[in-house]
């Protein structure tokens, strides 16, 4: 029982890293990245390819800059397009990459995948290592959110024209946040591969990105703690359905369909009744110092909002 709890906790922590990486792009910058699973795939397959063709070692870490490079490549085609096209391009890139690895057997055994990826530590030790990584990532995420760069991302999320009018390079902001999220998700993919000791293209479908979106929307996009809560709720619910399958005597295929139905229902209910999530992002308000002065006249309507944007 303890091993099962530890295993589920490890999965929660791995998905927490992926969800935090997507929260940079979706929650802070408002980018609809439907191909987040591609970064996860790059990191996992970096570990798999190194194991298959060379001796394991530091070369596995190349998956992290590879994830950042993929983020840059995703950003370039939509440089002059509105955010409405982001979901289409990112989803297409993720599916093309997955299908390419599935069809090319010389790279990583095609649809059969790669086995024999050695674990980095025992399960208990791995759990504590991941807990430390997630804690540091959450602290870094919160610091970035409160930094001038994070405020600039939120201005971009709320109004792209405003960000540009305030002198921000919109393309540079998008490029950096995609590279940052890509590198972080790729690192999570490497940890995932070493935990399961096996990777195959079937593990990285677009449905996994949908699951990560659900975690963020349920917990509260833009809120670091909310994202972590969403991960715990969704992953724990997913594991709980296995026990339900035993109680009601349903096959694995049927319980999988039931799980997808529940996820879809939860997503619809969240969008309709709680679009800000269970733990909404806290809005910081900035008061115009000139308006606060006793000698200065009152600020006109809307000036306080402009000052808040300028602070970013």
C-alpha atoms as a PDB file:
ATOM      1  CA  UNK A   1       0.000   0.000   0.000  1.00  0.00           C
ATOM      2  CA  UNK A   2       2.850   2.377   0.854  1.00  0.00           C
ATOM      3  CA  UNK A   3       4.493   1.664  -2.505  1.00  0.00           C
ATOM      4  CA  UNK A   4       1.234   2.481  -4.273  1.00  0.00           C
ATOM      5  CA  UNK A   5       0.839   5.782  -2.402  1.00  0.00           C
ATOM      6  CA  UNK A   6       4.446   6.705  -3.165  1.00  0.00           C
ATOM      7  CA  UNK A   7       3.956   5.848  -6.841  1.00  0.00           C
ATOM      8  CA  UNK A   8       0.849   8.016  -7.076  1.00  0.00           C
ATOM      9  CA  UNK A   9       2.657  10.861  -5.295  1.00  0.00           C
ATOM     10  CA  UNK A  10       5.507  10.634  -7.833  1.00  0.00           C
ATOM     11  CA  UNK A  11       3.032  10.941 -10.700  1.00  0.00           C
ATOM     12  CA  UNK A  12       1.437  13.955  -9.009  1.00  0.00           C
ATOM     13  CA  UNK A  13       4.836  15.640  -8.717  1.00  0.00           C
ATOM     14  CA  UNK A  14       5.800  14.921 -12.325  1.00  0.00           C
ATOM     15  CA  UNK A  15       2.510  16.306 -13.629  1.00  0.00           C
ATOM     16  CA  UNK A  16       2.928  19.269 -11.286  1.00  0.00           C
ATOM     17  CA  UNK A  17       6.113  20.204 -13.163  1.00  0.00           C
ATOM     18  CA  UNK A  18       4.337  19.954 -16.517  1.00  0.00           C
ATOM     19  CA  UNK A  19       1.350  21.942 -15.249  1.00  0.00           C
ATOM     20  CA  UNK A  20       3.602  24.675 -13.836  1.00  0.00           C
ATOM     21  CA  UNK A  21       5.375  24.884 -17.184  1.00  0.00           C
ATOM     22  CA  UNK A  22       2.068  25.309 -19.030  1.00  0.00           C
ATOM     23  CA  UNK A  23       0.940  27.845 -16.446  1.00  0.00           C
ATOM     24  CA  UNK A  24       3.782  30.122 -17.581  1.00  0.00           C
ATOM     25  CA  UNK A  25       2.346  30.098 -21.096  1.00  0.00           C
ATOM     26  CA  UNK A  26      -1.394  29.861 -20.492  1.00  0.00           C
ATOM     27  CA  UNK A  27      -1.901  31.295 -17.020  1.00  0.00           C
ATOM     28  CA  UNK A  28       0.590  34.165 -17.196  1.00  0.00           C
ATOM     29  CA  UNK A  29       0.877  34.979 -20.903  1.00  0.00           C
ATOM     30  CA  UNK A  30      -2.510  33.724 -22.132  1.00  0.00           C
ATOM     31  CA  UNK A  31      -1.012  31.533 -24.874  1.00  0.00           C
ATOM     32  CA  UNK A  32      -3.255  28.619 -25.883  1.00  0.00           C
ATOM     33  CA  UNK A  33      -0.550  25.996 -26.211  1.00  0.00           C
ATOM     34  CA  UNK A  34      -2.312  22.744 -27.099  1.00  0.00           C
ATOM     35  CA  UNK A  35       1.022  21.064 -27.806  1.00  0.00           C
ATOM     36  CA  UNK A  36       2.529  21.118 -24.318  1.00  0.00           C
ATOM     37  CA  UNK A  37       2.866  17.351 -24.386  1.00  0.00           C
ATOM     38  CA  UNK A  38       5.459  17.731 -27.175  1.00  0.00           C
ATOM     39  CA  UNK A  39       7.963  19.200 -24.699  1.00  0.00           C
ATOM     40  CA  UNK A  40       7.241  16.360 -22.290  1.00  0.00           C
ATOM     41  CA  UNK A  41       7.855  13.913 -25.151  1.00  0.00           C
ATOM     42  CA  UNK A  42      11.167  15.538 -26.102  1.00  0.00           C
ATOM     43  CA  UNK A  43      12.538  15.164 -22.588  1.00  0.00           C
ATOM     44  CA  UNK A  44      11.373  11.558 -22.226  1.00  0.00           C
ATOM     45  CA  UNK A  45      12.752  10.529 -25.607  1.00  0.00           C
ATOM     46  CA  UNK A  46      16.058  12.292 -24.922  1.00  0.00           C
ATOM     47  CA  UNK A  47      16.531   9.894 -22.017  1.00  0.00           C
ATOM     48  CA  UNK A  48      15.328   6.945 -24.119  1.00  0.00           C
ATOM     49  CA  UNK A  49      17.576   7.655 -27.109  1.00  0.00           C
ATOM     50  CA  UNK A  50      20.644   8.096 -24.923  1.00  0.00           C
ATOM     51  CA  UNK A  51      19.928   4.759 -23.248  1.00  0.00           C
ATOM     52  CA  UNK A  52      19.411   3.043 -26.604  1.00  0.00           C
ATOM     53  CA  UNK A  53      22.424   4.394 -28.495  1.00  0.00           C
ATOM     54  CA  UNK A  54      24.994   5.487 -25.902  1.00  0.00           C
ATOM     55  CA  UNK A  55      25.884   5.082 -22.259  1.00  0.00           C
ATOM     56  CA  UNK A  56      23.560   6.993 -19.913  1.00  0.00           C
ATOM     57  CA  UNK A  57      25.060  10.127 -18.502  1.00  0.00           C
ATOM     58  CA  UNK A  58      25.064  13.877 -18.785  1.00  0.00           C
ATOM     59  CA  UNK A  59      23.939  13.711 -22.440  1.00  0.00           C
ATOM     60  CA  UNK A  60      20.389  13.104 -21.220  1.00  0.00           C
ATOM     61  CA  UNK A  61      20.358  16.703 -20.024  1.00  0.00           C
ATOM     62  CA  UNK A  62      20.378  17.777 -23.672  1.00  0.00           C
ATOM     63  CA  UNK A  63      16.626  17.159 -23.570  1.00  0.00           C
ATOM     64  CA  UNK A  64      16.176  20.372 -21.539  1.00  0.00           C
ATOM     65  CA  UNK A  65      17.720  22.733 -24.143  1.00  0.00           C
ATOM     66  CA  UNK A  66      15.970  20.662 -26.817  1.00  0.00           C
ATOM     67  CA  UNK A  67      12.651  21.503 -25.153  1.00  0.00           C
ATOM     68  CA  UNK A  68      13.584  25.179 -25.126  1.00  0.00           C
ATOM     69  CA  UNK A  69      14.551  25.003 -28.814  1.00  0.00           C
ATOM     70  CA  UNK A  70      11.225  23.369 -29.652  1.00  0.00           C
ATOM     71  CA  UNK A  71       9.458  26.220 -27.869  1.00  0.00           C
ATOM     72  CA  UNK A  72      11.302  28.693 -30.081  1.00  0.00           C
ATOM     73  CA  UNK A  73      10.421  26.718 -33.215  1.00  0.00           C
ATOM     74  CA  UNK A  74       6.753  26.699 -32.212  1.00  0.00           C
ATOM     75  CA  UNK A  75       6.803  30.464 -31.760  1.00  0.00           C
ATOM     76  CA  UNK A  76       8.408  31.421 -35.075  1.00  0.00           C
ATOM     77  CA  UNK A  77       5.569  30.341 -37.444  1.00  0.00           C
ATOM     78  CA  UNK A  78       2.974  32.390 -35.546  1.00  0.00           C
ATOM     79  CA  UNK A  79       5.111  35.476 -35.046  1.00  0.00           C
ATOM     80  CA  UNK A  80       2.750  37.675 -37.065  1.00  0.00           C
ATOM     81  CA  UNK A  81      -0.444  35.816 -36.238  1.00  0.00           C
ATOM     82  CA  UNK A  82      -2.949  36.477 -33.486  1.00  0.00           C
ATOM     83  CA  UNK A  83      -3.284  34.179 -30.488  1.00  0.00           C
ATOM     84  CA  UNK A  84      -6.317  32.540 -32.102  1.00  0.00           C
ATOM     85  CA  UNK A  85      -3.938  30.485 -34.249  1.00  0.00           C
ATOM     86  CA  UNK A  86      -1.667  29.329 -31.444  1.00  0.00           C
ATOM     87  CA  UNK A  87      -3.713  26.286 -30.527  1.00  0.00           C
ATOM     88  CA  UNK A  88      -3.723  25.054 -34.131  1.00  0.00           C
ATOM     89  CA  UNK A  89       0.026  25.396 -34.693  1.00  0.00           C
ATOM     90  CA  UNK A  90       1.060  23.958 -31.333  1.00  0.00           C
ATOM     91  CA  UNK A  91      -1.326  21.016 -31.607  1.00  0.00           C
ATOM     92  CA  UNK A  92      -0.050  20.283 -35.115  1.00  0.00           C
ATOM     93  CA  UNK A  93       3.588  20.346 -34.036  1.00  0.00           C
ATOM     94  CA  UNK A  94       2.925  17.950 -31.168  1.00  0.00           C
ATOM     95  CA  UNK A  95       1.065  15.459 -33.345  1.00  0.00           C
ATOM     96  CA  UNK A  96       3.637  15.620 -36.153  1.00  0.00           C
ATOM     97  CA  UNK A  97       6.453  14.944 -33.701  1.00  0.00           C
ATOM     98  CA  UNK A  98       4.622  12.021 -32.107  1.00  0.00           C
ATOM     99  CA  UNK A  99       3.724  10.440 -35.454  1.00  0.00           C
ATOM    100  CA  UNK A 100       7.291  10.884 -36.687  1.00  0.00           C
ATOM    101  CA  UNK A 101       8.696   8.965 -33.709  1.00  0.00           C
ATOM    102  CA  UNK A 102       6.012   6.333 -34.151  1.00  0.00           C
ATOM    103  CA  UNK A 103       6.910   5.719 -37.807  1.00  0.00           C
ATOM    104  CA  UNK A 104      10.719   5.925 -37.569  1.00  0.00           C
ATOM    105  CA  UNK A 105      11.867   2.667 -35.981  1.00  0.00           C
ATOM    106  CA  UNK A 106      15.557   3.534 -36.337  1.00  0.00           C
ATOM    107  CA  UNK A 107      15.359   6.369 -33.828  1.00  0.00           C
ATOM    108  CA  UNK A 108      13.569   4.857 -30.837  1.00  0.00           C
ATOM    109  CA  UNK A 109      11.995   1.569 -32.000  1.00  0.00           C
ATOM    110  CA  UNK A 110       8.949   3.268 -33.504  1.00  0.00           C
ATOM    111  CA  UNK A 111       5.624   2.212 -31.964  1.00  0.00           C
ATOM    112  CA  UNK A 112       7.329  -0.374 -29.721  1.00  0.00           C
ATOM    113  CA  UNK A 113       9.122   2.305 -27.752  1.00  0.00           C
ATOM    114  CA  UNK A 114      12.223   1.953 -25.619  1.00  0.00           C
ATOM    115  CA  UNK A 115      12.587  -0.180 -22.499  1.00  0.00           C
ATOM    116  CA  UNK A 116      15.399  -0.524 -20.004  1.00  0.00           C
ATOM    117  CA  UNK A 117      15.710   3.094 -18.889  1.00  0.00           C
ATOM    118  CA  UNK A 118      17.301   2.723 -15.487  1.00  0.00           C
ATOM    119  CA  UNK A 119      15.707   4.486 -12.513  1.00  0.00           C
ATOM    120  CA  UNK A 120      17.740   7.268 -10.951  1.00  0.00           C
ATOM    121  CA  UNK A 121      17.056   6.106  -7.382  1.00  0.00           C
ATOM    122  CA  UNK A 122      14.772   3.954  -5.289  1.00  0.00           C
ATOM    123  CA  UNK A 123      11.116   4.910  -5.262  1.00  0.00           C
ATOM    124  CA  UNK A 124      11.241   6.517  -1.828  1.00  0.00           C
ATOM    125  CA  UNK A 125      14.367   8.531  -2.629  1.00  0.00           C
ATOM    126  CA  UNK A 126      12.948   9.502  -6.016  1.00  0.00           C
ATOM    127  CA  UNK A 127       9.849  10.848  -4.300  1.00  0.00           C
ATOM    128  CA  UNK A 128      11.900  13.182  -2.114  1.00  0.00           C
ATOM    129  CA  UNK A 129      14.037  14.306  -5.051  1.00  0.00           C
ATOM    130  CA  UNK A 130      10.931  15.184  -7.045  1.00  0.00           C
ATOM    131  CA  UNK A 131       9.372  16.929  -4.055  1.00  0.00           C
ATOM    132  CA  UNK A 132      12.433  19.160  -3.787  1.00  0.00           C
ATOM    133  CA  UNK A 133      12.412  19.923  -7.513  1.00  0.00           C
ATOM    134  CA  UNK A 134       8.709  20.805  -7.489  1.00  0.00           C
ATOM    135  CA  UNK A 135       9.143  23.004  -4.406  1.00  0.00           C
ATOM    136  CA  UNK A 136      11.993  24.932  -6.036  1.00  0.00           C
ATOM    137  CA  UNK A 137      10.016  25.203  -9.293  1.00  0.00           C
ATOM    138  CA  UNK A 138       6.956  26.528  -7.469  1.00  0.00           C
ATOM    139  CA  UNK A 139       9.048  29.125  -5.618  1.00  0.00           C
ATOM    140  CA  UNK A 140      10.734  30.182  -8.872  1.00  0.00           C
ATOM    141  CA  UNK A 141       7.348  30.356 -10.603  1.00  0.00           C
ATOM    142  CA  UNK A 142       5.954  32.606  -7.901  1.00  0.00           C
ATOM    143  CA  UNK A 143       8.998  34.873  -7.995  1.00  0.00           C
ATOM    144  CA  UNK A 144       8.720  35.180 -11.767  1.00  0.00           C
ATOM    145  CA  UNK A 145       5.019  35.950 -11.469  1.00  0.00           C
ATOM    146  CA  UNK A 146       5.719  38.832  -9.103  1.00  0.00           C
ATOM    147  CA  UNK A 147       8.762  40.123 -11.013  1.00  0.00           C
ATOM    148  CA  UNK A 148       8.537  42.829 -13.710  1.00  0.00           C
ATOM    149  CA  UNK A 149       8.782  40.102 -16.359  1.00  0.00           C
ATOM    150  CA  UNK A 150       5.750  38.319 -14.894  1.00  0.00           C
ATOM    151  CA  UNK A 151       3.768  41.551 -14.785  1.00  0.00           C
ATOM    152  CA  UNK A 152       4.662  42.170 -18.425  1.00  0.00           C
ATOM    153  CA  UNK A 153       3.350  38.704 -19.291  1.00  0.00           C
ATOM    154  CA  UNK A 154       0.051  39.472 -17.563  1.00  0.00           C
ATOM    155  CA  UNK A 155      -0.287  42.716 -19.496  1.00  0.00           C
ATOM    156  CA  UNK A 156       0.273  40.684 -22.670  1.00  0.00           C
ATOM    157  CA  UNK A 157      -2.396  38.229 -21.531  1.00  0.00           C
ATOM    158  CA  UNK A 158      -4.968  40.932 -20.876  1.00  0.00           C
ATOM    159  CA  UNK A 159      -4.289  43.186 -23.866  1.00  0.00           C
ATOM    160  CA  UNK A 160      -1.653  42.586 -26.524  1.00  0.00           C
ATOM    161  CA  UNK A 161      -2.110  46.093 -27.945  1.00  0.00           C
ATOM    162  CA  UNK A 162      -1.539  47.612 -24.509  1.00  0.00           C
ATOM    163  CA  UNK A 163       1.685  45.641 -24.059  1.00  0.00           C
ATOM    164  CA  UNK A 164       2.929  46.837 -27.423  1.00  0.00           C
ATOM    165  CA  UNK A 165       1.897  50.439 -26.714  1.00  0.00           C
ATOM    166  CA  UNK A 166       3.898  50.364 -23.481  1.00  0.00           C
ATOM    167  CA  UNK A 167       7.032  49.515 -25.439  1.00  0.00           C
ATOM    168  CA  UNK A 168       7.104  45.771 -24.776  1.00  0.00           C
ATOM    169  CA  UNK A 169       8.406  43.459 -27.489  1.00  0.00           C
ATOM    170  CA  UNK A 170       5.443  41.084 -27.807  1.00  0.00           C
ATOM    171  CA  UNK A 171       7.330  38.512 -29.842  1.00  0.00           C
ATOM    172  CA  UNK A 172      10.228  38.471 -27.372  1.00  0.00           C
ATOM    173  CA  UNK A 173       7.856  37.930 -24.451  1.00  0.00           C
ATOM    174  CA  UNK A 174       6.173  35.022 -26.204  1.00  0.00           C
ATOM    175  CA  UNK A 175       9.458  33.510 -27.316  1.00  0.00           C
ATOM    176  CA  UNK A 176      10.989  33.552 -23.851  1.00  0.00           C
ATOM    177  CA  UNK A 177       7.931  32.158 -22.096  1.00  0.00           C
ATOM    178  CA  UNK A 178       7.618  29.330 -24.640  1.00  0.00           C
ATOM    179  CA  UNK A 179      11.286  28.455 -24.231  1.00  0.00           C
ATOM    180  CA  UNK A 180      11.037  28.566 -20.444  1.00  0.00           C
ATOM    181  CA  UNK A 181       7.937  26.367 -20.357  1.00  0.00           C
ATOM    182  CA  UNK A 182       9.425  24.003 -22.942  1.00  0.00           C
ATOM    183  CA  UNK A 183      12.638  23.478 -20.980  1.00  0.00           C
ATOM    184  CA  UNK A 184      10.726  22.846 -17.756  1.00  0.00           C
ATOM    185  CA  UNK A 185       8.329  20.329 -19.337  1.00  0.00           C
ATOM    186  CA  UNK A 186      11.235  18.529 -21.031  1.00  0.00           C
ATOM    187  CA  UNK A 187      12.927  18.118 -17.659  1.00  0.00           C
ATOM    188  CA  UNK A 188       9.709  16.583 -16.327  1.00  0.00           C
ATOM    189  CA  UNK A 189       9.681  14.205 -19.304  1.00  0.00           C
ATOM    190  CA  UNK A 190      13.172  12.961 -18.450  1.00  0.00           C
ATOM    191  CA  UNK A 191      12.095  12.262 -14.867  1.00  0.00           C
ATOM    192  CA  UNK A 192       8.985  10.496 -16.185  1.00  0.00           C
ATOM    193  CA  UNK A 193      11.034   8.206 -18.447  1.00  0.00           C
ATOM    194  CA  UNK A 194      13.379   7.190 -15.627  1.00  0.00           C
ATOM    195  CA  UNK A 195      10.496   6.429 -13.307  1.00  0.00           C
ATOM    196  CA  UNK A 196       8.580   4.159 -15.711  1.00  0.00           C
ATOM    197  CA  UNK A 197      11.740   2.796 -17.438  1.00  0.00           C
ATOM    198  CA  UNK A 198       9.749   2.800 -20.695  1.00  0.00           C
ATOM    199  CA  UNK A 199       8.545   5.307 -23.263  1.00  0.00           C
ATOM    200  CA  UNK A 200       6.401   4.943 -26.382  1.00  0.00           C
ATOM    201  CA  UNK A 201       4.487   7.394 -28.606  1.00  0.00           C
ATOM    202  CA  UNK A 202       1.143   6.245 -27.152  1.00  0.00           C
ATOM    203  CA  UNK A 203       2.034   7.901 -23.852  1.00  0.00           C
ATOM    204  CA  UNK A 204       2.146  11.386 -25.403  1.00  0.00           C
ATOM    205  CA  UNK A 205      -1.159  11.924 -27.171  1.00  0.00           C
ATOM    206  CA  UNK A 206      -3.112  15.173 -27.321  1.00  0.00           C
ATOM    207  CA  UNK A 207      -5.373  13.776 -24.597  1.00  0.00           C
ATOM    208  CA  UNK A 208      -2.526  14.250 -22.127  1.00  0.00           C
ATOM    209  CA  UNK A 209      -2.412  17.961 -22.957  1.00  0.00           C
ATOM    210  CA  UNK A 210      -6.165  18.112 -22.343  1.00  0.00           C
ATOM    211  CA  UNK A 211      -5.558  16.547 -18.917  1.00  0.00           C
ATOM    212  CA  UNK A 212      -2.939  19.180 -18.071  1.00  0.00           C
ATOM    213  CA  UNK A 213      -5.305  21.949 -19.208  1.00  0.00           C
ATOM    214  CA  UNK A 214      -7.946  20.558 -16.887  1.00  0.00           C
ATOM    215  CA  UNK A 215      -5.523  20.636 -13.958  1.00  0.00           C
ATOM    216  CA  UNK A 216      -4.750  24.313 -14.547  1.00  0.00           C
ATOM    217  CA  UNK A 217      -8.324  25.445 -15.201  1.00  0.00           C
ATOM    218  CA  UNK A 218      -9.674  23.554 -12.208  1.00  0.00           C
ATOM    219  CA  UNK A 219      -7.047  24.830  -9.790  1.00  0.00           C
ATOM    220  CA  UNK A 220      -6.866  28.390 -11.083  1.00  0.00           C
ATOM    221  CA  UNK A 221      -4.725  29.536 -13.986  1.00  0.00           C
ATOM    222  CA  UNK A 222      -2.103  32.091 -13.126  1.00  0.00           C
ATOM    223  CA  UNK A 223      -2.041  30.954  -9.491  1.00  0.00           C
ATOM    224  CA  UNK A 224       0.884  28.687  -8.588  1.00  0.00           C
ATOM    225  CA  UNK A 225      -0.786  27.129  -5.555  1.00  0.00           C
ATOM    226  CA  UNK A 226      -4.045  26.715  -7.460  1.00  0.00           C
ATOM    227  CA  UNK A 227      -2.285  24.814 -10.231  1.00  0.00           C
ATOM    228  CA  UNK A 228      -0.734  22.415  -7.710  1.00  0.00           C
ATOM    229  CA  UNK A 229      -4.152  21.827  -6.127  1.00  0.00           C
ATOM    230  CA  UNK A 230      -5.639  21.098  -9.534  1.00  0.00           C
ATOM    231  CA  UNK A 231      -2.912  18.543 -10.232  1.00  0.00           C
ATOM    232  CA  UNK A 232      -3.560  16.730  -6.968  1.00  0.00           C
ATOM    233  CA  UNK A 233      -7.334  16.624  -7.524  1.00  0.00           C
ATOM    234  CA  UNK A 234      -7.220  15.422 -11.135  1.00  0.00           C
ATOM    235  CA  UNK A 235      -4.465  12.844 -10.677  1.00  0.00           C
ATOM    236  CA  UNK A 236      -6.008  11.462  -7.501  1.00  0.00           C
ATOM    237  CA  UNK A 237      -9.389  11.180  -9.226  1.00  0.00           C
ATOM    238  CA  UNK A 238      -7.752   9.368 -12.126  1.00  0.00           C
ATOM    239  CA  UNK A 239      -6.229   6.800  -9.795  1.00  0.00           C
ATOM    240  CA  UNK A 240      -9.471   6.423  -7.844  1.00  0.00           C
ATOM    241  CA  UNK A 241     -11.322   5.301 -10.971  1.00  0.00           C
ATOM    242  CA  UNK A 242      -9.247   2.112 -10.956  1.00  0.00           C
ATOM    243  CA  UNK A 243     -10.916   1.075  -7.711  1.00  0.00           C
ATOM    244  CA  UNK A 244     -14.317   1.985  -9.126  1.00  0.00           C
ATOM    245  CA  UNK A 245     -13.658  -0.362 -12.043  1.00  0.00           C
ATOM    246  CA  UNK A 246     -13.163  -3.236  -9.593  1.00  0.00           C
ATOM    247  CA  UNK A 247     -16.324  -2.448  -7.655  1.00  0.00           C
ATOM    248  CA  UNK A 248     -18.631  -2.231 -10.675  1.00  0.00           C
ATOM    249  CA  UNK A 249     -16.829  -4.893 -12.739  1.00  0.00           C
ATOM    250  CA  UNK A 250     -16.069  -2.722 -15.775  1.00  0.00           C
ATOM    251  CA  UNK A 251     -13.325  -3.389 -18.282  1.00  0.00           C
ATOM    252  CA  UNK A 252     -10.315  -1.115 -18.664  1.00  0.00           C
ATOM    253  CA  UNK A 253     -11.652   0.287 -21.955  1.00  0.00           C
ATOM    254  CA  UNK A 254     -15.002   1.229 -20.446  1.00  0.00           C
ATOM    255  CA  UNK A 255     -13.547   2.764 -17.312  1.00  0.00           C
ATOM    256  CA  UNK A 256     -11.204   4.772 -19.537  1.00  0.00           C
ATOM    257  CA  UNK A 257     -14.201   6.144 -21.421  1.00  0.00           C
ATOM    258  CA  UNK A 258     -15.960   6.925 -18.141  1.00  0.00           C
ATOM    259  CA  UNK A 259     -12.853   8.748 -16.951  1.00  0.00           C
ATOM    260  CA  UNK A 260     -12.777  10.903 -20.100  1.00  0.00           C
ATOM    261  CA  UNK A 261     -16.492  11.651 -19.704  1.00  0.00           C
ATOM    262  CA  UNK A 262     -15.937  12.786 -16.111  1.00  0.00           C
ATOM    263  CA  UNK A 263     -13.009  14.979 -17.167  1.00  0.00           C
ATOM    264  CA  UNK A 264     -15.069  16.588 -19.907  1.00  0.00           C
ATOM    265  CA  UNK A 265     -17.994  17.163 -17.558  1.00  0.00           C
ATOM    266  CA  UNK A 266     -15.758  18.732 -14.924  1.00  0.00           C
ATOM    267  CA  UNK A 267     -14.189  21.008 -17.540  1.00  0.00           C
ATOM    268  CA  UNK A 268     -17.602  22.207 -18.768  1.00  0.00           C
ATOM    269  CA  UNK A 269     -18.814  22.841 -15.215  1.00  0.00           C
ATOM    270  CA  UNK A 270     -15.651  24.764 -14.347  1.00  0.00           C
ATOM    271  CA  UNK A 271     -15.974  26.956 -17.435  1.00  0.00           C
ATOM    272  CA  UNK A 272     -19.660  27.640 -16.749  1.00  0.00           C
ATOM    273  CA  UNK A 273     -19.666  28.091 -12.986  1.00  0.00           C
ATOM    274  CA  UNK A 274     -16.103  28.746 -11.868  1.00  0.00           C
ATOM    275  CA  UNK A 275     -14.034  29.974 -14.845  1.00  0.00           C
ATOM    276  CA  UNK A 276     -11.422  31.478 -12.513  1.00  0.00           C
ATOM    277  CA  UNK A 277     -10.795  28.057 -10.897  1.00  0.00           C
ATOM    278  CA  UNK A 278     -10.958  26.910  -7.288  1.00  0.00           C
ATOM    279  CA  UNK A 279      -8.166  29.262  -6.240  1.00  0.00           C
ATOM    280  CA  UNK A 280      -8.280  32.339  -8.489  1.00  0.00           C
ATOM    281  CA  UNK A 281      -5.271  34.471  -9.247  1.00  0.00           C
ATOM    282  CA  UNK A 282      -4.989  37.381  -6.866  1.00  0.00           C
ATOM    283  CA  UNK A 283      -5.098  40.704  -8.647  1.00  0.00           C
ATOM    284  CA  UNK A 284      -2.680  43.347  -7.477  1.00  0.00           C
ATOM    285  CA  UNK A 285      -3.830  46.944  -7.676  1.00  0.00           C
ATOM    286  CA  UNK A 286      -1.474  49.871  -8.084  1.00  0.00           C
ATOM    287  CA  UNK A 287      -2.546  53.329  -7.020  1.00  0.00           C
ATOM    288  CA  UNK A 288      -1.381  56.406  -8.876  1.00  0.00           C
ATOM    289  CA  UNK A 289       1.011  58.253  -6.544  1.00  0.00           C
ATOM    290  CA  UNK A 290      -0.060  61.563  -8.020  1.00  0.00           C
ATOM    291  CA  UNK A 291      -3.674  60.800  -7.181  1.00  0.00           C
ATOM    292  CA  UNK A 292      -2.677  59.748  -3.668  1.00  0.00           C
ATOM    293  CA  UNK A 293      -0.953  63.040  -2.991  1.00  0.00           C
ATOM    294  CA  UNK A 294      -3.044  65.483  -1.000  1.00  0.00           C
ATOM    295  CA  UNK A 295      -1.904  68.374  -3.186  1.00  0.00           C
ATOM    296  CA  UNK A 296      -2.413  66.681  -6.531  1.00  0.00           C
ATOM    297  CA  UNK A 297      -5.800  66.563  -8.260  1.00  0.00           C
ATOM    298  CA  UNK A 298      -7.698  63.282  -8.424  1.00  0.00           C
ATOM    299  CA  UNK A 299      -6.672  60.906 -11.170  1.00  0.00           C
ATOM    300  CA  UNK A 300      -9.151  60.575 -14.029  1.00  0.00           C
ATOM    301  CA  UNK A 301     -10.987  57.317 -14.518  1.00  0.00           C
ATOM    302  CA  UNK A 302      -8.799  54.620 -15.993  1.00  0.00           C
ATOM    303  CA  UNK A 303      -5.479  56.285 -15.113  1.00  0.00           C
ATOM    304  CA  UNK A 304      -4.918  53.887 -12.227  1.00  0.00           C
ATOM    305  CA  UNK A 305      -5.209  50.952 -14.619  1.00  0.00           C
ATOM    306  CA  UNK A 306      -2.662  52.560 -16.938  1.00  0.00           C
ATOM    307  CA  UNK A 307      -0.279  53.017 -14.028  1.00  0.00           C
ATOM    308  CA  UNK A 308      -0.724  49.340 -13.154  1.00  0.00           C
ATOM    309  CA  UNK A 309       0.132  48.416 -16.727  1.00  0.00           C
ATOM    310  CA  UNK A 310       3.152  50.711 -16.710  1.00  0.00           C
ATOM    311  CA  UNK A 311       4.444  49.013 -13.570  1.00  0.00           C
ATOM    312  CA  UNK A 312       4.728  45.853 -15.690  1.00  0.00           C
END
